[in-house]
Amino acid sequence: MSPQCGGKALNQYQIEEQQFTGNRDKYEDPRNSCLNEVLERRTGIPLTLSIVYMEVARRAGLQVDGINFPGHFLVRCPQTHGSHQLVIDPFHSGALLSEHNCRLLLQKHVGSEVAFSRSLLAPATRNQILVRMLLNLKRIYVHMRSFPQARVITELLLALTPSALSELRDRGLLAYQLNDVTSALRDLQAYLKLSSMSEADKDAKAEHQQIWEHVKTLRRRVAALN
């Protein structure tokens, strides 16, 4: 089966028959990032709808890869002899995207921050997909000020990417918000020690100084308990 035919068949099943649709009205609902909820409610965000799409394809004997596209996860049917790669957007009713459409999508979500290249349409690894899902959840929980849940997600992110200093920092900041002095001090001190500073990077320098202030506050709290 050609990518074009396969994509149309998958669209008919997932979009028309099963009625999976993008949750535009409540995009930030954390349930959109939980596959059990997505399957039950038939709605989600680009990433989770794409995961369902890939799994349906796998069970049908078709290869569909995820695309870790900036700002909006997509899927693709790999190129076969005589056929063009088919890029599909499960969030927008299985729309078939040309390269021009992908350029417009990139501009919409990230502006000029990222220049378009075909490498952005490369297949995503399982690790990349898991990390992106967890980052979505963490961002939502932080926005909701649900710090215990955000901290759990950060622990999972560190298990997947142990060298991610940003996650070490965030775990420390979440512990700080939760008044877990010991854990916050451990993580934030480790972050300051491991992070490299550039004098030319004003934003990094400001962040470093802010975290150092948190560390000094935490040390005073520990001293007051002794």
N, C-alpha and C. Protein backbone atom coordinates (compact mmCIF):
# COMPACT_ATOMS: atom_id res chain seq x y z
N MET A 1 0.85 -1.20 0.00
CA MET A 1 0.00 0.00 0.00
C MET A 1 0.88 1.25 0.00
N SER A 2 0.56 2.21 -0.86
CA SER A 2 1.35 3.44 -0.94
C SER A 2 1.11 4.30 0.28
N PRO A 3 2.06 5.22 0.63
CA PRO A 3 1.83 6.13 1.74
C PRO A 3 0.53 6.91 1.59
N GLN A 4 0.21 7.35 0.36
CA GLN A 4 -1.01 8.13 0.14
C GLN A 4 -2.24 7.32 0.52
N CYS A 5 -2.31 6.08 0.04
CA CYS A 5 -3.46 5.23 0.33
C CYS A 5 -3.52 4.88 1.81
N GLY A 6 -2.33 4.58 2.38
CA GLY A 6 -2.29 4.24 3.79
C GLY A 6 -2.76 5.39 4.67
N GLY A 7 -2.31 6.62 4.31
CA GLY A 7 -2.72 7.78 5.09
C GLY A 7 -4.21 8.01 5.01
N LYS A 8 -4.79 7.83 3.82
CA LYS A 8 -6.23 8.04 3.67
C LYS A 8 -7.01 6.99 4.45
N ALA A 9 -6.54 5.74 4.43
CA ALA A 9 -7.22 4.68 5.16
C ALA A 9 -7.17 4.92 6.66
N LEU A 10 -6.00 5.35 7.16
CA LEU A 10 -5.87 5.64 8.58
C LEU A 10 -6.74 6.83 8.97
N ASN A 11 -6.79 7.84 8.12
CA ASN A 11 -7.65 8.99 8.40
C ASN A 11 -9.12 8.58 8.48
N GLN A 12 -9.52 7.73 7.56
CA GLN A 12 -10.92 7.30 7.56
C GLN A 12 -11.26 6.58 8.85
N TYR A 13 -10.33 5.71 9.30
CA TYR A 13 -10.61 4.95 10.52
C TYR A 13 -10.56 5.84 11.77
N GLN A 14 -9.43 6.57 11.94
CA GLN A 14 -9.25 7.31 13.20
C GLN A 14 -10.10 8.58 13.27
N ILE A 15 -10.20 9.30 12.17
CA ILE A 15 -10.90 10.58 12.19
C ILE A 15 -12.39 10.41 11.94
N GLU A 16 -12.73 9.67 10.88
CA GLU A 16 -14.14 9.58 10.50
C GLU A 16 -14.90 8.53 11.31
N GLU A 17 -14.30 7.34 11.48
CA GLU A 17 -15.02 6.27 12.19
C GLU A 17 -14.89 6.40 13.71
N GLN A 18 -13.66 6.55 14.21
CA GLN A 18 -13.45 6.63 15.66
C GLN A 18 -13.62 8.04 16.20
N GLN A 19 -13.62 9.03 15.32
CA GLN A 19 -13.90 10.43 15.67
C GLN A 19 -12.92 11.02 16.69
N PHE A 20 -11.63 10.70 16.51
CA PHE A 20 -10.59 11.37 17.29
C PHE A 20 -10.42 12.79 16.74
N THR A 21 -10.34 13.76 17.63
CA THR A 21 -10.25 15.15 17.19
C THR A 21 -9.35 15.95 18.13
N GLY A 22 -8.77 17.01 17.62
CA GLY A 22 -7.94 17.87 18.45
C GLY A 22 -8.77 18.67 19.44
N ASN A 23 -8.29 18.75 20.67
CA ASN A 23 -9.02 19.49 21.71
C ASN A 23 -8.57 20.95 21.67
N ARG A 24 -9.20 21.72 20.80
CA ARG A 24 -8.83 23.13 20.65
C ARG A 24 -9.36 23.99 21.79
N ASP A 25 -10.53 23.63 22.33
CA ASP A 25 -11.17 24.46 23.36
C ASP A 25 -10.45 24.37 24.70
N LYS A 26 -9.94 23.18 25.03
CA LYS A 26 -9.27 22.99 26.33
C LYS A 26 -7.90 22.34 26.08
N TYR A 27 -7.09 23.02 25.31
CA TYR A 27 -5.79 22.50 24.89
C TYR A 27 -4.89 22.21 26.08
N GLU A 28 -4.96 23.05 27.12
CA GLU A 28 -4.07 22.93 28.28
C GLU A 28 -4.56 21.95 29.33
N ASP A 29 -5.65 21.27 29.08
CA ASP A 29 -6.15 20.26 30.01
C ASP A 29 -5.13 19.13 30.10
N PRO A 30 -4.63 18.82 31.31
CA PRO A 30 -3.60 17.76 31.42
C PRO A 30 -4.08 16.40 30.92
N ARG A 31 -5.37 16.18 30.88
CA ARG A 31 -5.88 14.90 30.38
C ARG A 31 -5.53 14.69 28.91
N ASN A 32 -5.28 15.78 28.18
CA ASN A 32 -4.90 15.67 26.78
C ASN A 32 -3.53 15.02 26.59
N SER A 33 -2.74 14.97 27.67
CA SER A 33 -1.41 14.36 27.60
C SER A 33 -1.36 12.98 28.24
N CYS A 34 -2.51 12.44 28.63
CA CYS A 34 -2.59 11.11 29.24
C CYS A 34 -3.32 10.18 28.26
N LEU A 35 -2.62 9.18 27.77
CA LEU A 35 -3.18 8.36 26.70
C LEU A 35 -4.48 7.65 27.08
N ASN A 36 -4.60 7.21 28.33
CA ASN A 36 -5.85 6.56 28.73
C ASN A 36 -7.03 7.50 28.61
N GLU A 37 -6.81 8.77 28.96
CA GLU A 37 -7.88 9.78 28.84
C GLU A 37 -8.15 10.10 27.37
N VAL A 38 -7.11 10.17 26.58
CA VAL A 38 -7.27 10.46 25.15
C VAL A 38 -8.09 9.37 24.48
N LEU A 39 -7.80 8.12 24.81
CA LEU A 39 -8.53 7.01 24.22
C LEU A 39 -9.99 7.02 24.65
N GLU A 40 -10.24 7.36 25.90
CA GLU A 40 -11.61 7.36 26.41
C GLU A 40 -12.42 8.54 25.88
N ARG A 41 -11.78 9.72 25.80
CA ARG A 41 -12.50 10.94 25.44
C ARG A 41 -12.44 11.26 23.95
N ARG A 42 -11.57 10.54 23.21
CA ARG A 42 -11.41 10.73 21.77
C ARG A 42 -10.94 12.15 21.42
N THR A 43 -10.15 12.73 22.28
CA THR A 43 -9.61 14.06 22.00
C THR A 43 -8.28 14.23 22.70
N GLY A 44 -7.42 15.09 22.15
CA GLY A 44 -6.11 15.28 22.74
C GLY A 44 -5.34 16.38 22.03
N ILE A 45 -4.05 16.40 22.26
CA ILE A 45 -3.15 17.36 21.64
C ILE A 45 -2.43 16.68 20.47
N PRO A 46 -1.68 17.43 19.66
CA PRO A 46 -1.01 16.80 18.51
C PRO A 46 -0.18 15.58 18.87
N LEU A 47 0.56 15.62 19.96
CA LEU A 47 1.43 14.50 20.32
C LEU A 47 0.65 13.24 20.63
N THR A 48 -0.33 13.33 21.51
CA THR A 48 -1.04 12.12 21.92
C THR A 48 -1.91 11.57 20.79
N LEU A 49 -2.51 12.44 19.99
CA LEU A 49 -3.28 11.96 18.85
C LEU A 49 -2.36 11.28 17.83
N SER A 50 -1.13 11.79 17.71
CA SER A 50 -0.16 11.17 16.81
C SER A 50 0.27 9.80 17.32
N ILE A 51 0.42 9.66 18.62
CA ILE A 51 0.79 8.36 19.19
C ILE A 51 -0.30 7.33 18.90
N VAL A 52 -1.55 7.72 19.08
CA VAL A 52 -2.67 6.82 18.76
C VAL A 52 -2.63 6.46 17.27
N TYR A 53 -2.38 7.45 16.44
CA TYR A 53 -2.31 7.25 14.99
C TYR A 53 -1.22 6.23 14.65
N MET A 54 -0.05 6.38 15.26
CA MET A 54 1.06 5.46 14.99
C MET A 54 0.74 4.05 15.44
N GLU A 55 0.08 3.93 16.59
CA GLU A 55 -0.23 2.60 17.11
C GLU A 55 -1.29 1.90 16.26
N VAL A 56 -2.28 2.66 15.80
CA VAL A 56 -3.28 2.08 14.90
C VAL A 56 -2.60 1.60 13.61
N ALA A 57 -1.68 2.41 13.09
CA ALA A 57 -0.95 2.04 11.88
C ALA A 57 -0.14 0.77 12.10
N ARG A 58 0.54 0.69 13.24
CA ARG A 58 1.37 -0.48 13.53
C ARG A 58 0.52 -1.74 13.55
N ARG A 59 -0.64 -1.67 14.16
CA ARG A 59 -1.51 -2.85 14.24
C ARG A 59 -2.10 -3.21 12.88
N ALA A 60 -2.14 -2.22 11.98
CA ALA A 60 -2.63 -2.49 10.63
C ALA A 60 -1.50 -2.93 9.69
N GLY A 61 -0.29 -3.03 10.23
CA GLY A 61 0.84 -3.45 9.42
C GLY A 61 1.47 -2.35 8.60
N LEU A 62 1.20 -1.09 8.99
CA LEU A 62 1.76 0.05 8.27
C LEU A 62 2.80 0.75 9.13
N GLN A 63 3.84 1.26 8.51
CA GLN A 63 4.84 2.01 9.24
C GLN A 63 4.51 3.50 9.17
N VAL A 64 4.30 4.10 10.34
CA VAL A 64 4.09 5.54 10.46
C VAL A 64 5.02 6.04 11.56
N ASP A 65 5.86 7.00 11.24
CA ASP A 65 6.81 7.55 12.20
C ASP A 65 6.31 8.87 12.77
N GLY A 66 6.70 9.14 14.01
CA GLY A 66 6.42 10.44 14.59
C GLY A 66 7.45 11.46 14.12
N ILE A 67 7.03 12.72 14.06
CA ILE A 67 7.93 13.82 13.70
C ILE A 67 7.93 14.80 14.87
N ASN A 68 9.09 14.98 15.47
CA ASN A 68 9.22 15.86 16.63
C ASN A 68 9.30 17.32 16.17
N PHE A 69 8.29 17.75 15.43
CA PHE A 69 8.28 19.07 14.80
C PHE A 69 8.12 20.16 15.86
N PRO A 70 8.88 21.24 15.78
CA PRO A 70 8.78 22.30 16.79
C PRO A 70 7.37 22.88 16.91
N GLY A 71 6.84 22.84 18.11
CA GLY A 71 5.55 23.47 18.38
C GLY A 71 4.33 22.65 18.03
N HIS A 72 4.48 21.60 17.22
CA HIS A 72 3.30 20.85 16.78
C HIS A 72 3.73 19.48 16.26
N PHE A 73 3.48 18.43 17.04
CA PHE A 73 3.91 17.09 16.66
C PHE A 73 3.12 16.61 15.44
N LEU A 74 3.82 15.90 14.54
CA LEU A 74 3.22 15.38 13.31
C LEU A 74 3.61 13.92 13.14
N VAL A 75 3.07 13.28 12.10
CA VAL A 75 3.49 11.92 11.74
C VAL A 75 3.78 11.89 10.24
N ARG A 76 4.48 10.84 9.82
CA ARG A 76 4.78 10.70 8.40
C ARG A 76 4.78 9.24 7.99
N CYS A 77 4.38 8.99 6.75
CA CYS A 77 4.54 7.69 6.12
C CYS A 77 5.86 7.73 5.37
N PRO A 78 6.81 6.87 5.71
CA PRO A 78 8.14 6.93 5.08
C PRO A 78 8.07 6.82 3.57
N GLN A 79 9.06 7.42 2.92
CA GLN A 79 9.13 7.43 1.46
C GLN A 79 9.36 6.03 0.92
N THR A 80 8.63 5.71 -0.12
CA THR A 80 8.83 4.43 -0.82
C THR A 80 9.21 4.74 -2.27
N HIS A 81 9.62 3.73 -2.99
CA HIS A 81 10.08 3.93 -4.37
C HIS A 81 8.98 4.58 -5.21
N GLY A 82 9.31 5.72 -5.80
CA GLY A 82 8.36 6.39 -6.66
C GLY A 82 7.32 7.22 -5.94
N SER A 83 7.44 7.33 -4.62
CA SER A 83 6.43 8.07 -3.86
C SER A 83 7.11 9.14 -3.02
N HIS A 84 6.38 10.19 -2.73
CA HIS A 84 6.88 11.24 -1.86
C HIS A 84 6.49 10.93 -0.41
N GLN A 85 7.29 11.39 0.51
CA GLN A 85 6.98 11.25 1.92
C GLN A 85 5.67 11.98 2.23
N LEU A 86 4.81 11.32 2.98
CA LEU A 86 3.51 11.89 3.31
C LEU A 86 3.54 12.36 4.76
N VAL A 87 3.34 13.66 4.98
CA VAL A 87 3.31 14.23 6.32
C VAL A 87 1.86 14.49 6.70
N ILE A 88 1.47 14.01 7.88
CA ILE A 88 0.07 14.04 8.31
C ILE A 88 -0.05 14.75 9.65
N ASP A 89 -1.12 15.51 9.81
CA ASP A 89 -1.40 16.23 11.06
C ASP A 89 -2.66 15.65 11.70
N PRO A 90 -2.52 14.67 12.62
CA PRO A 90 -3.69 14.06 13.25
C PRO A 90 -4.54 15.04 14.06
N PHE A 91 -3.92 16.13 14.54
CA PHE A 91 -4.67 17.10 15.34
C PHE A 91 -5.68 17.85 14.48
N HIS A 92 -5.32 18.13 13.24
CA HIS A 92 -6.21 18.86 12.33
C HIS A 92 -6.84 17.90 11.33
N SER A 93 -7.59 16.95 11.85
CA SER A 93 -8.40 16.03 11.04
C SER A 93 -7.59 15.25 10.01
N GLY A 94 -6.33 14.94 10.35
CA GLY A 94 -5.50 14.15 9.45
C GLY A 94 -5.10 14.88 8.19
N ALA A 95 -4.93 16.19 8.29
CA ALA A 95 -4.55 16.99 7.11
C ALA A 95 -3.23 16.50 6.53
N LEU A 96 -3.15 16.43 5.21
CA LEU A 96 -1.92 16.05 4.52
C LEU A 96 -1.14 17.31 4.21
N LEU A 97 0.10 17.38 4.69
CA LEU A 97 0.87 18.62 4.63
C LEU A 97 1.98 18.55 3.58
N SER A 98 2.06 19.58 2.78
CA SER A 98 3.18 19.75 1.86
C SER A 98 4.33 20.40 2.62
N GLU A 99 5.49 20.49 1.98
CA GLU A 99 6.61 21.17 2.62
C GLU A 99 6.25 22.64 2.89
N HIS A 100 5.52 23.25 1.98
CA HIS A 100 5.09 24.64 2.18
C HIS A 100 4.19 24.75 3.41
N ASN A 101 3.27 23.79 3.57
CA ASN A 101 2.41 23.79 4.76
C ASN A 101 3.23 23.68 6.03
N CYS A 102 4.28 22.84 5.99
CA CYS A 102 5.14 22.66 7.16
C CYS A 102 5.88 23.95 7.50
N ARG A 103 6.31 24.65 6.48
CA ARG A 103 6.98 25.94 6.71
C ARG A 103 6.03 26.93 7.38
N LEU A 104 4.79 26.97 6.92
CA LEU A 104 3.80 27.87 7.51
C LEU A 104 3.50 27.47 8.96
N LEU A 105 3.43 26.17 9.20
CA LEU A 105 3.17 25.68 10.55
C LEU A 105 4.30 26.06 11.50
N LEU A 106 5.53 25.94 11.03
CA LEU A 106 6.68 26.31 11.83
C LEU A 106 6.65 27.80 12.16
N GLN A 107 6.34 28.62 11.17
CA GLN A 107 6.26 30.05 11.37
C GLN A 107 5.18 30.40 12.39
N LYS A 108 4.07 29.70 12.32
CA LYS A 108 2.95 29.96 13.23
C LYS A 108 3.32 29.67 14.68
N HIS A 109 4.07 28.59 14.91
CA HIS A 109 4.31 28.15 16.28
C HIS A 109 5.60 28.69 16.90
N VAL A 110 6.63 28.90 16.10
CA VAL A 110 7.90 29.37 16.68
C VAL A 110 8.44 30.62 16.02
N GLY A 111 7.74 31.13 15.01
CA GLY A 111 8.19 32.35 14.36
C GLY A 111 9.54 32.16 13.68
N SER A 112 10.42 33.12 13.88
CA SER A 112 11.74 33.07 13.24
C SER A 112 12.81 32.44 14.13
N GLU A 113 12.41 31.88 15.25
CA GLU A 113 13.37 31.29 16.19
C GLU A 113 14.08 30.08 15.59
N VAL A 114 13.36 29.32 14.76
CA VAL A 114 13.92 28.12 14.15
C VAL A 114 13.74 28.22 12.64
N ALA A 115 14.84 28.04 11.90
CA ALA A 115 14.76 28.05 10.44
C ALA A 115 14.33 26.68 9.94
N PHE A 116 13.47 26.66 8.93
CA PHE A 116 12.99 25.38 8.42
C PHE A 116 14.09 24.64 7.68
N SER A 117 14.16 23.35 7.92
CA SER A 117 15.00 22.46 7.14
C SER A 117 14.32 21.10 7.13
N ARG A 118 14.64 20.30 6.14
CA ARG A 118 14.00 18.98 6.04
C ARG A 118 14.38 18.06 7.19
N SER A 119 15.45 18.39 7.89
CA SER A 119 15.84 17.58 9.05
C SER A 119 14.77 17.65 10.14
N LEU A 120 13.96 18.71 10.14
CA LEU A 120 12.88 18.83 11.12
C LEU A 120 11.80 17.79 10.90
N LEU A 121 11.81 17.15 9.73
CA LEU A 121 10.82 16.13 9.41
C LEU A 121 11.38 14.72 9.61
N ALA A 122 12.52 14.62 10.28
CA ALA A 122 13.12 13.31 10.56
C ALA A 122 12.27 12.55 11.57
N PRO A 123 12.31 11.22 11.54
CA PRO A 123 11.51 10.44 12.50
C PRO A 123 12.00 10.65 13.93
N ALA A 124 11.05 10.75 14.84
CA ALA A 124 11.37 10.92 16.26
C ALA A 124 11.68 9.58 16.90
N THR A 125 12.60 9.58 17.85
CA THR A 125 12.88 8.37 18.61
C THR A 125 11.84 8.21 19.72
N ARG A 126 11.75 7.02 20.28
CA ARG A 126 10.82 6.79 21.39
C ARG A 126 11.16 7.68 22.58
N ASN A 127 12.47 7.85 22.82
CA ASN A 127 12.90 8.69 23.93
C ASN A 127 12.45 10.13 23.71
N GLN A 128 12.59 10.63 22.49
CA GLN A 128 12.16 12.00 22.19
C GLN A 128 10.66 12.17 22.39
N ILE A 129 9.90 11.16 22.01
CA ILE A 129 8.44 11.24 22.17
C ILE A 129 8.07 11.26 23.64
N LEU A 130 8.69 10.39 24.44
CA LEU A 130 8.39 10.36 25.87
C LEU A 130 8.78 11.67 26.55
N VAL A 131 9.96 12.17 26.20
CA VAL A 131 10.42 13.43 26.82
C VAL A 131 9.47 14.56 26.45
N ARG A 132 9.04 14.62 25.21
CA ARG A 132 8.14 15.70 24.80
C ARG A 132 6.80 15.61 25.54
N MET A 133 6.28 14.40 25.71
CA MET A 133 5.03 14.24 26.43
C MET A 133 5.17 14.70 27.88
N LEU A 134 6.27 14.32 28.52
CA LEU A 134 6.49 14.69 29.91
C LEU A 134 6.73 16.20 30.06
N LEU A 135 7.43 16.79 29.10
CA LEU A 135 7.64 18.25 29.15
C LEU A 135 6.32 19.00 29.03
N ASN A 136 5.43 18.49 28.19
CA ASN A 136 4.10 19.10 28.08
C ASN A 136 3.38 19.05 29.41
N LEU A 137 3.40 17.89 30.05
CA LEU A 137 2.72 17.73 31.33
C LEU A 137 3.33 18.61 32.41
N LYS A 138 4.66 18.66 32.44
CA LYS A 138 5.32 19.48 33.46
C LYS A 138 4.95 20.95 33.30
N ARG A 139 4.98 21.42 32.06
CA ARG A 139 4.64 22.82 31.80
C ARG A 139 3.22 23.13 32.26
N ILE A 140 2.29 22.23 31.98
CA ILE A 140 0.90 22.43 32.36
C ILE A 140 0.75 22.45 33.88
N TYR A 141 1.40 21.49 34.55
CA TYR A 141 1.28 21.42 36.01
C TYR A 141 1.91 22.64 36.69
N VAL A 142 3.02 23.12 36.16
CA VAL A 142 3.63 24.32 36.72
C VAL A 142 2.71 25.51 36.54
N HIS A 143 2.12 25.62 35.35
CA HIS A 143 1.18 26.71 35.08
C HIS A 143 -0.01 26.66 36.04
N MET A 144 -0.45 25.44 36.38
CA MET A 144 -1.57 25.26 37.30
C MET A 144 -1.13 25.37 38.77
N ARG A 145 0.17 25.53 38.97
CA ARG A 145 0.77 25.55 40.32
C ARG A 145 0.53 24.23 41.05
N SER A 146 0.45 23.16 40.29
CA SER A 146 0.35 21.82 40.86
C SER A 146 1.76 21.27 41.00
N PHE A 147 2.48 21.83 41.96
CA PHE A 147 3.91 21.54 42.08
C PHE A 147 4.24 20.09 42.43
N PRO A 148 3.45 19.40 43.27
CA PRO A 148 3.77 17.99 43.53
C PRO A 148 3.74 17.15 42.26
N GLN A 149 2.72 17.36 41.41
CA GLN A 149 2.64 16.61 40.17
C GLN A 149 3.79 16.98 39.23
N ALA A 150 4.11 18.26 39.17
CA ALA A 150 5.22 18.70 38.32
C ALA A 150 6.54 18.07 38.78
N ARG A 151 6.68 17.92 40.08
CA ARG A 151 7.92 17.33 40.61
C ARG A 151 8.03 15.87 40.22
N VAL A 152 6.92 15.14 40.26
CA VAL A 152 6.93 13.74 39.84
C VAL A 152 7.34 13.63 38.38
N ILE A 153 6.79 14.50 37.55
CA ILE A 153 7.12 14.48 36.12
C ILE A 153 8.60 14.78 35.91
N THR A 154 9.14 15.72 36.69
CA THR A 154 10.56 16.06 36.57
C THR A 154 11.45 14.88 36.94
N GLU A 155 11.02 14.11 37.93
CA GLU A 155 11.76 12.90 38.29
C GLU A 155 11.81 11.92 37.11
N LEU A 156 10.69 11.79 36.41
CA LEU A 156 10.65 10.91 35.24
C LEU A 156 11.55 11.43 34.13
N LEU A 157 11.54 12.75 33.94
CA LEU A 157 12.40 13.35 32.91
C LEU A 157 13.87 13.12 33.21
N LEU A 158 14.25 13.21 34.48
CA LEU A 158 15.64 12.97 34.85
C LEU A 158 16.01 11.50 34.70
N ALA A 159 15.04 10.61 34.87
CA ALA A 159 15.30 9.19 34.65
C ALA A 159 15.58 8.92 33.17
N LEU A 160 14.89 9.67 32.29
CA LEU A 160 15.09 9.51 30.85
C LEU A 160 16.32 10.25 30.35
N THR A 161 16.59 11.42 30.95
CA THR A 161 17.71 12.26 30.51
C THR A 161 18.51 12.69 31.74
N PRO A 162 19.31 11.80 32.31
CA PRO A 162 20.02 12.09 33.56
C PRO A 162 20.95 13.29 33.48
N SER A 163 21.42 13.63 32.28
CA SER A 163 22.38 14.73 32.15
C SER A 163 21.71 16.08 31.90
N ALA A 164 20.38 16.12 31.92
CA ALA A 164 19.66 17.36 31.62
C ALA A 164 19.73 18.31 32.83
N LEU A 165 20.62 19.29 32.73
CA LEU A 165 20.79 20.22 33.85
C LEU A 165 19.53 21.05 34.09
N SER A 166 18.78 21.33 33.04
CA SER A 166 17.56 22.12 33.22
C SER A 166 16.55 21.38 34.08
N GLU A 167 16.52 20.05 33.99
CA GLU A 167 15.60 19.27 34.82
C GLU A 167 16.10 19.19 36.26
N LEU A 168 17.41 19.11 36.44
CA LEU A 168 17.98 19.16 37.79
C LEU A 168 17.63 20.49 38.46
N ARG A 169 17.78 21.57 37.69
CA ARG A 169 17.41 22.89 38.19
C ARG A 169 15.93 22.95 38.56
N ASP A 170 15.08 22.48 37.66
CA ASP A 170 13.64 22.56 37.89
C ASP A 170 13.21 21.70 39.07
N ARG A 171 13.84 20.53 39.23
CA ARG A 171 13.50 19.70 40.39
C ARG A 171 13.84 20.43 41.68
N GLY A 172 14.98 21.15 41.67
CA GLY A 172 15.35 21.93 42.84
C GLY A 172 14.39 23.07 43.10
N LEU A 173 13.97 23.76 42.03
CA LEU A 173 13.05 24.88 42.19
C LEU A 173 11.67 24.41 42.65
N LEU A 174 11.25 23.25 42.18
CA LEU A 174 9.97 22.70 42.63
C LEU A 174 10.05 22.29 44.10
N ALA A 175 11.16 21.71 44.50
CA ALA A 175 11.36 21.37 45.91
C ALA A 175 11.35 22.63 46.76
N TYR A 176 11.92 23.70 46.24
CA TYR A 176 11.93 25.00 46.93
C TYR A 176 10.49 25.49 47.14
N GLN A 177 9.67 25.38 46.10
CA GLN A 177 8.27 25.78 46.20
C GLN A 177 7.50 24.94 47.21
N LEU A 178 7.90 23.68 47.34
CA LEU A 178 7.22 22.75 48.25
C LEU A 178 7.83 22.76 49.65
N ASN A 179 8.79 23.66 49.86
CA ASN A 179 9.44 23.82 51.17
C ASN A 179 10.20 22.55 51.59
N ASP A 180 10.68 21.80 50.62
CA ASP A 180 11.55 20.65 50.90
C ASP A 180 12.98 21.18 50.86
N VAL A 181 13.43 21.68 51.98
CA VAL A 181 14.69 22.40 52.04
C VAL A 181 15.87 21.52 51.64
N THR A 182 15.93 20.32 52.18
CA THR A 182 17.06 19.43 51.93
C THR A 182 17.21 19.12 50.44
N SER A 183 16.10 18.71 49.81
CA SER A 183 16.15 18.36 48.39
C SER A 183 16.45 19.57 47.51
N ALA A 184 15.83 20.70 47.85
CA ALA A 184 16.06 21.91 47.06
C ALA A 184 17.51 22.34 47.12
N LEU A 185 18.08 22.32 48.32
CA LEU A 185 19.48 22.72 48.49
C LEU A 185 20.41 21.78 47.73
N ARG A 186 20.14 20.50 47.82
CA ARG A 186 20.97 19.50 47.11
C ARG A 186 20.97 19.75 45.60
N ASP A 187 19.79 19.89 45.03
CA ASP A 187 19.67 20.02 43.57
C ASP A 187 20.19 21.36 43.07
N LEU A 188 19.86 22.42 43.77
CA LEU A 188 20.28 23.75 43.29
C LEU A 188 21.78 23.95 43.43
N GLN A 189 22.37 23.42 44.49
CA GLN A 189 23.83 23.50 44.62
C GLN A 189 24.51 22.68 43.54
N ALA A 190 23.96 21.50 43.26
CA ALA A 190 24.52 20.65 42.21
C ALA A 190 24.40 21.34 40.86
N TYR A 191 23.27 22.00 40.61
CA TYR A 191 23.08 22.70 39.35
C TYR A 191 24.10 23.82 39.18
N LEU A 192 24.30 24.61 40.24
CA LEU A 192 25.27 25.70 40.16
C LEU A 192 26.68 25.19 39.91
N LYS A 193 26.98 24.04 40.49
CA LYS A 193 28.31 23.47 40.33
C LYS A 193 28.53 22.94 38.92
N LEU A 194 27.49 22.34 38.35
CA LEU A 194 27.64 21.67 37.06
C LEU A 194 27.41 22.58 35.86
N SER A 195 26.62 23.62 36.06
CA SER A 195 26.30 24.49 34.93
C SER A 195 27.48 25.38 34.61
N SER A 196 27.76 25.53 33.35
CA SER A 196 28.84 26.40 32.92
C SER A 196 28.29 27.78 32.68
N MET A 197 29.04 28.78 33.09
CA MET A 197 28.59 30.16 32.95
C MET A 197 29.40 30.89 31.89
N SER A 198 28.71 31.66 31.09
CA SER A 198 29.37 32.51 30.10
C SER A 198 29.11 33.96 30.46
N GLU A 199 30.17 34.72 30.58
CA GLU A 199 30.02 36.12 30.94
C GLU A 199 29.20 36.89 29.90
N ALA A 200 29.21 36.39 28.65
CA ALA A 200 28.49 37.08 27.59
C ALA A 200 27.00 36.76 27.61
N ASP A 201 26.62 35.71 28.32
CA ASP A 201 25.23 35.29 28.36
C ASP A 201 24.55 35.95 29.55
N LYS A 202 23.93 37.08 29.31
CA LYS A 202 23.33 37.85 30.40
C LYS A 202 22.15 37.12 31.04
N ASP A 203 21.34 36.43 30.21
CA ASP A 203 20.19 35.72 30.75
C ASP A 203 20.63 34.59 31.68
N ALA A 204 21.66 33.85 31.26
CA ALA A 204 22.17 32.76 32.09
C ALA A 204 22.78 33.30 33.38
N LYS A 205 23.47 34.42 33.27
CA LYS A 205 24.08 35.02 34.45
C LYS A 205 23.02 35.47 35.45
N ALA A 206 21.93 36.05 34.94
CA ALA A 206 20.84 36.49 35.81
C ALA A 206 20.17 35.30 36.48
N GLU A 207 19.96 34.23 35.71
CA GLU A 207 19.36 33.03 36.29
C GLU A 207 20.27 32.42 37.36
N HIS A 208 21.56 32.36 37.06
CA HIS A 208 22.53 31.83 38.00
C HIS A 208 22.50 32.62 39.31
N GLN A 209 22.42 33.92 39.21
CA GLN A 209 22.38 34.77 40.39
C GLN A 209 21.10 34.54 41.20
N GLN A 210 19.98 34.38 40.50
CA GLN A 210 18.71 34.15 41.17
C GLN A 210 18.73 32.82 41.94
N ILE A 211 19.28 31.79 41.31
CA ILE A 211 19.36 30.49 41.97
C ILE A 211 20.32 30.56 43.16
N TRP A 212 21.41 31.32 43.00
CA TRP A 212 22.34 31.50 44.11
C TRP A 212 21.64 32.16 45.30
N GLU A 213 20.73 33.09 45.04
CA GLU A 213 19.96 33.73 46.12
C GLU A 213 19.07 32.70 46.81
N HIS A 214 18.47 31.81 46.03
CA HIS A 214 17.67 30.74 46.62
C HIS A 214 18.53 29.85 47.53
N VAL A 215 19.72 29.53 47.05
CA VAL A 215 20.63 28.68 47.83
C VAL A 215 20.99 29.36 49.15
N LYS A 216 21.28 30.63 49.11
CA LYS A 216 21.62 31.36 50.35
C LYS A 216 20.44 31.36 51.32
N THR A 217 19.23 31.52 50.79
CA THR A 217 18.03 31.48 51.64
C THR A 217 17.88 30.11 52.27
N LEU A 218 18.08 29.06 51.48
CA LEU A 218 17.97 27.70 52.00
C LEU A 218 19.02 27.41 53.06
N ARG A 219 20.24 27.90 52.86
CA ARG A 219 21.30 27.69 53.85
C ARG A 219 20.96 28.39 55.16
N ARG A 220 20.34 29.57 55.08
CA ARG A 220 19.94 30.25 56.31
C ARG A 220 18.86 29.46 57.05
N ARG A 221 17.95 28.86 56.27
CA ARG A 221 16.90 28.05 56.91
C ARG A 221 17.52 26.84 57.62
N VAL A 222 18.47 26.19 56.96
CA VAL A 222 19.13 25.03 57.58
C VAL A 222 19.88 25.45 58.83
N ALA A 223 20.57 26.58 58.77
CA ALA A 223 21.33 27.06 59.93
C ALA A 223 20.41 27.38 61.10
N ALA A 224 19.22 27.90 60.79
CA ALA A 224 18.27 28.26 61.85
C ALA A 224 17.73 27.03 62.57
N LEU A 225 17.77 25.88 61.90
CA LEU A 225 17.27 24.65 62.51
C LEU A 225 18.29 23.98 63.40
N ASN A 226 19.56 24.39 63.29
CA ASN A 226 20.63 23.75 64.06
C ASN A 226 20.86 24.46 65.40
